[in-house]
Structure formats: structure tokens, C-alpha cells
Amino acid sequence: MTFSAKTRQRGSATIIDLRGRLTIMEGEALHDLCLDLVKEGRKLIILNFRDVNYLDSSGIGQLVRSLFAARRNNADICAIDLSARSREILRLANLHTVISDFPDESAAIQRFSST
């Protein structure tokens, strides 16, 4: 499955619907996209993992880069709809404490609108 990242708005949140494999090349493209969105002033970016069928350590590294770039610019990135495998990879890398994940868009938006 070819990687794609499509953005859409839901209120003040920007959702990026991811599809395919998330490895180094795709992760770099995702990092660039997140950085562009943050520079545009987007404060909440939600990464939708529903259609991600593979995530490796280099993809995770790019997620971390994106997260820290966002936080340096007073923005945040969270994940939704992680597969059990992706959630386990984040846990094994001890990133579950850094990257918030939620079951769906509504839960993520509600959590961040209350802070």
C-alpha cells in the first residue's frame, strides 16, 4: 500500500489521515508536513493511524521529531486509532508517555480543548 497523508480540519484541530507504511522516507515527509502546519499556526495536529499497516523504528523516530518540533512552537501532536501492534511498538519504545493516543477524533479534540 502506497503511503499518503491527507489533511482536513475539524474545528481548531488539523487531522492527518495516514495510509500505508510509516518508515524513514514516509516519516520524513510526515515530519515536513507537520512542521509546515505548525508554522501556519496550527496548534493541534491529530495523526489518524487507522489505515497505517506498518510502523518501524525509523518511522517512530520521525514521529518524535515532529512532536518535539510542534512543542517548540507551542503546538501538540497526538495519535488516534492506533492498531494493537502500533500501540505496542510505542509502549516498547517507552513513547506511550510522550505521544498521547486516543480512540477517536472526538476524544482527542475534547481532551485538548479542555486544557
Protein backbone atom coordinates (compact mmCIF):
# COMPACT_ATOMS: atom_id res chain seq x y z
CA MET A 1 0.00 0.00 0.00
CA THR A 2 1.40 3.38 -1.01
CA PHE A 3 1.85 5.93 1.75
CA SER A 4 -0.36 9.01 1.79
CA ALA A 5 -1.08 11.76 4.29
CA LYS A 6 -4.22 13.83 3.72
CA THR A 7 -5.15 16.76 5.92
CA ARG A 8 -8.55 18.03 6.94
CA GLN A 9 -9.87 20.44 9.56
CA ARG A 10 -12.28 19.72 12.36
CA GLY A 11 -12.76 22.87 14.36
CA SER A 12 -9.36 24.05 15.54
CA ALA A 13 -7.80 20.60 15.06
CA THR A 14 -5.96 19.50 11.94
CA ILE A 15 -6.36 15.80 11.27
CA ILE A 16 -3.83 13.98 9.12
CA ASP A 17 -5.26 10.74 7.77
CA LEU A 18 -2.29 8.41 7.25
CA ARG A 19 -2.33 5.41 4.94
CA GLY A 20 0.23 2.69 4.23
CA ARG A 21 3.68 2.11 5.70
CA LEU A 22 5.36 4.59 8.01
CA THR A 23 9.13 4.16 7.71
CA ILE A 24 12.02 6.61 7.29
CA MET A 25 11.04 8.14 3.94
CA GLU A 26 7.37 8.45 4.77
CA GLY A 27 8.24 9.66 8.26
CA GLU A 28 10.38 12.46 6.84
CA ALA A 29 7.50 13.55 4.61
CA LEU A 30 5.15 13.47 7.60
CA HIS A 31 7.62 15.49 9.68
CA ASP A 32 7.82 18.14 6.92
CA LEU A 33 4.03 18.28 6.70
CA CYS A 34 3.65 18.66 10.48
CA LEU A 35 6.31 21.37 10.56
CA ASP A 36 4.54 23.29 7.77
CA LEU A 37 1.22 23.05 9.63
CA VAL A 38 2.79 24.28 12.87
CA LYS A 39 4.40 27.19 11.03
CA GLU A 40 0.94 28.06 9.67
CA GLY A 41 -0.21 28.38 13.28
CA ARG A 42 -1.99 25.05 13.75
CA LYS A 43 -1.93 24.20 17.45
CA LEU A 44 -3.35 20.66 17.47
CA ILE A 45 -2.42 18.02 14.93
CA ILE A 46 -4.13 14.65 15.19
CA LEU A 47 -2.46 11.75 13.40
CA ASN A 48 -5.05 9.19 12.34
CA PHE A 49 -3.38 5.76 12.20
CA ARG A 50 -6.49 3.82 11.14
CA ASP A 51 -5.01 2.85 7.75
CA VAL A 52 -1.34 2.51 8.74
CA ASN A 53 -0.37 -1.10 8.16
CA TYR A 54 3.31 -0.92 9.18
CA LEU A 55 5.31 1.21 11.61
CA ASP A 56 9.01 0.78 12.26
CA SER A 57 11.62 2.40 14.49
CA SER A 58 12.65 4.99 11.90
CA GLY A 59 9.01 5.99 11.45
CA ILE A 60 8.74 6.36 15.21
CA GLY A 61 11.87 8.50 15.21
CA GLN A 62 10.24 10.86 12.73
CA LEU A 63 7.10 10.99 14.88
CA VAL A 64 9.22 12.04 17.84
CA ARG A 65 10.97 14.71 15.74
CA SER A 66 7.56 16.03 14.67
CA LEU A 67 6.26 16.05 18.22
CA PHE A 68 9.21 18.00 19.61
CA ALA A 69 9.15 20.47 16.70
CA ALA A 70 5.46 21.07 17.41
CA ARG A 71 6.03 21.54 21.13
CA ARG A 72 8.85 24.02 20.49
CA ASN A 73 6.22 26.05 18.64
CA ASN A 74 3.52 25.75 21.34
CA ALA A 75 1.58 23.12 19.41
CA ASP A 76 0.87 19.46 20.09
CA ILE A 77 0.56 16.23 18.17
CA CYS A 78 -1.43 13.21 19.25
CA ALA A 79 -2.42 9.91 17.69
CA ILE A 80 -5.78 8.23 17.20
CA ASP A 81 -6.94 4.79 16.16
CA LEU A 82 -3.62 3.02 16.73
CA SER A 83 -3.58 -0.66 15.95
CA ALA A 84 -2.68 -3.00 18.79
CA ARG A 85 0.71 -3.57 17.11
CA SER A 86 1.46 0.17 16.74
CA ARG A 87 0.41 0.82 20.34
CA GLU A 88 2.72 -1.99 21.48
CA ILE A 89 5.64 -0.55 19.46
CA LEU A 90 5.14 2.84 21.12
CA ARG A 91 4.98 1.17 24.52
CA LEU A 92 8.15 -0.84 23.91
CA ALA A 93 9.95 2.34 22.84
CA ASN A 94 8.58 4.00 26.01
CA LEU A 95 6.89 6.65 23.85
CA HIS A 96 3.39 5.99 25.13
CA THR A 97 4.21 8.51 27.86
CA VAL A 98 5.20 11.17 25.31
CA ILE A 99 2.73 10.74 22.45
CA SER A 100 -0.86 10.83 23.66
CA ASP A 101 -3.18 8.43 21.89
CA PHE A 102 -6.96 8.39 21.81
CA PRO A 103 -9.56 6.02 20.42
CA ASP A 104 -11.03 8.64 18.04
CA GLU A 105 -11.04 12.29 16.90
CA SER A 106 -13.74 13.39 19.30
CA ALA A 107 -11.84 12.11 22.35
CA ALA A 108 -8.62 13.85 21.24
CA ILE A 109 -10.35 17.14 20.47
CA GLN A 110 -12.27 17.07 23.75
CA ARG A 111 -9.10 16.39 25.75
CA PHE A 112 -7.13 19.20 24.16
CA SER A 113 -9.97 21.73 24.18
CA SER A 114 -10.25 21.27 27.95
CA THR A 115 -6.61 22.25 28.58
